[in-house]
Amino acid sequence: MRTVNIHEAKTNLSRLIEQAVKGESFVIAKAGKPMVRVTAIDAPRADQVRRLGFMAGQIQVPDDFDTLGVDAIAALFAGKP
């Protein structure tokens, strides 16, 4: 894996990012000490299923959801077991 110093990384950032996207990760070093590794990430494709709402219609929330356990919680705050 290639190591570049901070100055070189700042000067050639666009080129280095293009190389990382192609699979050529690199390390940025400061005074010869490795600081960070730059590597491409796998961005989700447009056709991937979104996770938000993936169980829609499969779960039912009771009407009294906001008040479930109110008595037990009040007892705990009052110091009652």
N, C-alpha and C. Protein backbone atom coordinates (compact mmCIF):
# COMPACT_ATOMS: atom_id res chain seq x y z
N MET A 1 0.85 -1.17 0.00
CA MET A 1 0.00 0.00 0.00
C MET A 1 0.90 1.24 0.00
N ARG A 2 0.55 2.16 -0.82
CA ARG A 2 1.35 3.38 -0.98
C ARG A 2 1.16 4.32 0.21
N THR A 3 2.23 4.97 0.63
CA THR A 3 2.18 5.96 1.70
C THR A 3 2.57 7.32 1.12
N VAL A 4 1.75 8.34 1.42
CA VAL A 4 2.04 9.70 0.96
C VAL A 4 2.03 10.62 2.17
N ASN A 5 2.83 11.68 2.10
CA ASN A 5 2.80 12.64 3.21
C ASN A 5 1.64 13.60 3.01
N ILE A 6 1.32 14.35 4.04
CA ILE A 6 0.17 15.24 4.01
C ILE A 6 0.27 16.26 2.89
N HIS A 7 1.42 16.84 2.70
CA HIS A 7 1.59 17.85 1.64
C HIS A 7 1.29 17.25 0.28
N GLU A 8 1.84 16.06 0.02
CA GLU A 8 1.58 15.40 -1.27
C GLU A 8 0.10 15.07 -1.42
N ALA A 9 -0.53 14.63 -0.33
CA ALA A 9 -1.95 14.29 -0.38
C ALA A 9 -2.79 15.53 -0.71
N LYS A 10 -2.47 16.66 -0.09
CA LYS A 10 -3.21 17.89 -0.38
C LYS A 10 -3.00 18.33 -1.81
N THR A 11 -1.79 18.21 -2.31
CA THR A 11 -1.46 18.65 -3.65
C THR A 11 -2.12 17.77 -4.71
N ASN A 12 -2.22 16.46 -4.45
CA ASN A 12 -2.70 15.51 -5.45
C ASN A 12 -3.98 14.79 -5.01
N LEU A 13 -4.79 15.44 -4.19
CA LEU A 13 -5.94 14.76 -3.62
C LEU A 13 -6.88 14.18 -4.67
N SER A 14 -7.22 14.93 -5.69
CA SER A 14 -8.14 14.44 -6.72
C SER A 14 -7.60 13.17 -7.38
N ARG A 15 -6.34 13.19 -7.74
CA ARG A 15 -5.73 12.03 -8.39
C ARG A 15 -5.69 10.83 -7.44
N LEU A 16 -5.35 11.09 -6.19
CA LEU A 16 -5.27 10.01 -5.20
C LEU A 16 -6.65 9.38 -4.95
N ILE A 17 -7.68 10.23 -4.91
CA ILE A 17 -9.04 9.71 -4.72
C ILE A 17 -9.45 8.85 -5.90
N GLU A 18 -9.14 9.29 -7.11
CA GLU A 18 -9.47 8.48 -8.29
C GLU A 18 -8.80 7.12 -8.21
N GLN A 19 -7.55 7.07 -7.76
CA GLN A 19 -6.84 5.80 -7.62
C GLN A 19 -7.49 4.93 -6.54
N ALA A 20 -7.89 5.55 -5.43
CA ALA A 20 -8.54 4.80 -4.36
C ALA A 20 -9.85 4.19 -4.84
N VAL A 21 -10.61 4.94 -5.61
CA VAL A 21 -11.87 4.44 -6.15
C VAL A 21 -11.63 3.21 -7.03
N LYS A 22 -10.50 3.18 -7.70
CA LYS A 22 -10.15 2.05 -8.57
C LYS A 22 -9.56 0.88 -7.77
N GLY A 23 -9.51 1.02 -6.42
CA GLY A 23 -9.02 -0.08 -5.60
C GLY A 23 -7.61 0.08 -5.08
N GLU A 24 -6.97 1.21 -5.36
CA GLU A 24 -5.60 1.44 -4.91
C GLU A 24 -5.60 2.30 -3.64
N SER A 25 -5.85 1.67 -2.51
CA SER A 25 -5.87 2.40 -1.24
C SER A 25 -4.50 2.97 -0.93
N PHE A 26 -4.48 4.00 -0.07
CA PHE A 26 -3.20 4.58 0.30
C PHE A 26 -3.27 5.08 1.74
N VAL A 27 -2.10 5.34 2.31
CA VAL A 27 -1.98 5.83 3.68
C VAL A 27 -1.42 7.24 3.64
N ILE A 28 -2.00 8.12 4.46
CA ILE A 28 -1.46 9.47 4.61
C ILE A 28 -0.67 9.49 5.91
N ALA A 29 0.57 9.96 5.80
CA ALA A 29 1.47 9.99 6.96
C ALA A 29 1.86 11.42 7.30
N LYS A 30 2.15 11.64 8.57
CA LYS A 30 2.65 12.93 9.04
C LYS A 30 3.99 12.69 9.71
N ALA A 31 5.01 13.30 9.18
CA ALA A 31 6.38 13.12 9.69
C ALA A 31 6.76 11.64 9.70
N GLY A 32 6.32 10.93 8.66
CA GLY A 32 6.65 9.52 8.53
C GLY A 32 5.78 8.58 9.33
N LYS A 33 4.88 9.10 10.16
CA LYS A 33 4.00 8.28 11.00
C LYS A 33 2.65 8.14 10.30
N PRO A 34 2.22 6.92 9.99
CA PRO A 34 0.93 6.72 9.34
C PRO A 34 -0.21 7.28 10.20
N MET A 35 -1.08 8.05 9.58
CA MET A 35 -2.19 8.68 10.31
C MET A 35 -3.55 8.12 9.90
N VAL A 36 -3.78 8.00 8.59
CA VAL A 36 -5.08 7.51 8.10
C VAL A 36 -4.89 6.66 6.86
N ARG A 37 -5.84 5.77 6.64
CA ARG A 37 -5.85 4.98 5.41
C ARG A 37 -7.05 5.44 4.60
N VAL A 38 -6.84 5.68 3.33
CA VAL A 38 -7.92 6.09 2.42
C VAL A 38 -8.22 4.92 1.50
N THR A 39 -9.49 4.54 1.49
CA THR A 39 -9.91 3.42 0.67
C THR A 39 -11.31 3.70 0.14
N ALA A 40 -11.66 3.10 -0.94
CA ALA A 40 -12.99 3.30 -1.53
C ALA A 40 -14.04 2.64 -0.65
N ILE A 41 -15.25 3.20 -0.67
CA ILE A 41 -16.36 2.60 0.06
C ILE A 41 -17.37 2.06 -0.94
N ASP A 42 -18.15 1.12 -0.49
CA ASP A 42 -19.20 0.56 -1.34
C ASP A 42 -20.48 1.36 -1.11
N ALA A 43 -20.78 2.26 -2.03
CA ALA A 43 -22.00 3.05 -1.93
C ALA A 43 -23.18 2.19 -2.39
N PRO A 44 -24.33 2.36 -1.76
CA PRO A 44 -25.50 1.58 -2.18
C PRO A 44 -25.91 1.93 -3.60
N ARG A 45 -26.36 0.92 -4.32
CA ARG A 45 -26.85 1.14 -5.68
C ARG A 45 -28.26 1.70 -5.62
N ALA A 46 -28.67 2.36 -6.67
CA ALA A 46 -30.00 2.97 -6.72
C ALA A 46 -31.10 1.91 -6.65
N ASP A 47 -30.82 0.69 -7.13
CA ASP A 47 -31.85 -0.34 -7.15
C ASP A 47 -31.90 -1.17 -5.87
N GLN A 48 -31.06 -0.86 -4.89
CA GLN A 48 -31.08 -1.60 -3.64
C GLN A 48 -32.31 -1.22 -2.83
N VAL A 49 -32.84 -2.21 -2.13
CA VAL A 49 -34.02 -1.99 -1.29
C VAL A 49 -33.61 -1.17 -0.07
N ARG A 50 -34.37 -0.16 0.25
CA ARG A 50 -34.10 0.65 1.43
C ARG A 50 -34.57 -0.10 2.67
N ARG A 51 -33.85 0.00 3.76
CA ARG A 51 -34.20 -0.69 4.99
C ARG A 51 -35.31 0.02 5.76
N LEU A 52 -35.42 1.33 5.60
CA LEU A 52 -36.43 2.08 6.32
C LEU A 52 -37.81 1.57 5.90
N GLY A 53 -38.58 1.11 6.85
CA GLY A 53 -39.93 0.64 6.58
C GLY A 53 -39.98 -0.77 6.01
N PHE A 54 -38.90 -1.55 6.15
CA PHE A 54 -38.87 -2.87 5.52
C PHE A 54 -39.86 -3.85 6.16
N MET A 55 -40.37 -3.54 7.35
CA MET A 55 -41.35 -4.43 7.99
C MET A 55 -42.74 -3.81 8.02
N ALA A 56 -42.99 -2.88 7.13
CA ALA A 56 -44.30 -2.22 7.08
C ALA A 56 -45.40 -3.25 6.91
N GLY A 57 -46.43 -3.13 7.74
CA GLY A 57 -47.57 -4.04 7.67
C GLY A 57 -47.36 -5.33 8.43
N GLN A 58 -46.18 -5.58 8.98
CA GLN A 58 -45.90 -6.82 9.70
C GLN A 58 -45.91 -6.64 11.21
N ILE A 59 -45.90 -5.40 11.67
CA ILE A 59 -45.86 -5.11 13.09
C ILE A 59 -47.03 -4.20 13.44
N GLN A 60 -47.67 -4.48 14.58
CA GLN A 60 -48.76 -3.64 15.04
C GLN A 60 -48.36 -3.00 16.36
N VAL A 61 -48.54 -1.70 16.47
CA VAL A 61 -48.26 -0.98 17.69
C VAL A 61 -49.58 -0.79 18.42
N PRO A 62 -49.65 -1.23 19.68
CA PRO A 62 -50.93 -1.09 20.41
C PRO A 62 -51.28 0.39 20.62
N ASP A 63 -52.58 0.66 20.72
CA ASP A 63 -53.05 2.03 20.90
C ASP A 63 -52.53 2.65 22.19
N ASP A 64 -52.31 1.83 23.22
CA ASP A 64 -51.84 2.35 24.50
C ASP A 64 -50.32 2.27 24.65
N PHE A 65 -49.60 2.24 23.55
CA PHE A 65 -48.15 2.11 23.57
C PHE A 65 -47.48 3.17 24.44
N ASP A 66 -47.95 4.40 24.34
CA ASP A 66 -47.32 5.51 25.08
C ASP A 66 -47.53 5.41 26.59
N THR A 67 -48.49 4.60 27.02
CA THR A 67 -48.76 4.50 28.46
C THR A 67 -48.43 3.13 29.03
N LEU A 68 -47.84 2.25 28.23
CA LEU A 68 -47.48 0.92 28.72
C LEU A 68 -46.46 1.04 29.85
N GLY A 69 -46.70 0.37 30.94
CA GLY A 69 -45.75 0.33 32.04
C GLY A 69 -45.67 1.59 32.89
N VAL A 70 -46.61 2.50 32.74
CA VAL A 70 -46.58 3.75 33.49
C VAL A 70 -46.59 3.48 34.99
N ASP A 71 -47.44 2.56 35.43
CA ASP A 71 -47.54 2.27 36.87
C ASP A 71 -46.23 1.69 37.40
N ALA A 72 -45.63 0.78 36.65
CA ALA A 72 -44.37 0.16 37.07
C ALA A 72 -43.25 1.20 37.14
N ILE A 73 -43.20 2.09 36.18
CA ILE A 73 -42.17 3.14 36.16
C ILE A 73 -42.38 4.09 37.33
N ALA A 74 -43.62 4.47 37.58
CA ALA A 74 -43.91 5.37 38.70
C ALA A 74 -43.50 4.73 40.02
N ALA A 75 -43.75 3.41 40.16
CA ALA A 75 -43.37 2.70 41.38
C ALA A 75 -41.86 2.69 41.55
N LEU A 76 -41.12 2.53 40.47
CA LEU A 76 -39.66 2.54 40.54
C LEU A 76 -39.14 3.89 41.00
N PHE A 77 -39.72 4.97 40.49
CA PHE A 77 -39.29 6.31 40.91
C PHE A 77 -39.69 6.62 42.35
N ALA A 78 -40.77 5.98 42.80
CA ALA A 78 -41.22 6.20 44.17
C ALA A 78 -40.44 5.33 45.15
N GLY A 79 -39.56 4.46 44.63
CA GLY A 79 -38.75 3.60 45.49
C GLY A 79 -39.47 2.34 45.91
N LYS A 80 -40.53 1.98 45.23
CA LYS A 80 -41.27 0.75 45.55
C LYS A 80 -40.84 -0.36 44.60
N PRO A 81 -40.55 -1.54 45.11
CA PRO A 81 -40.13 -2.66 44.25
C PRO A 81 -41.23 -3.23 43.39
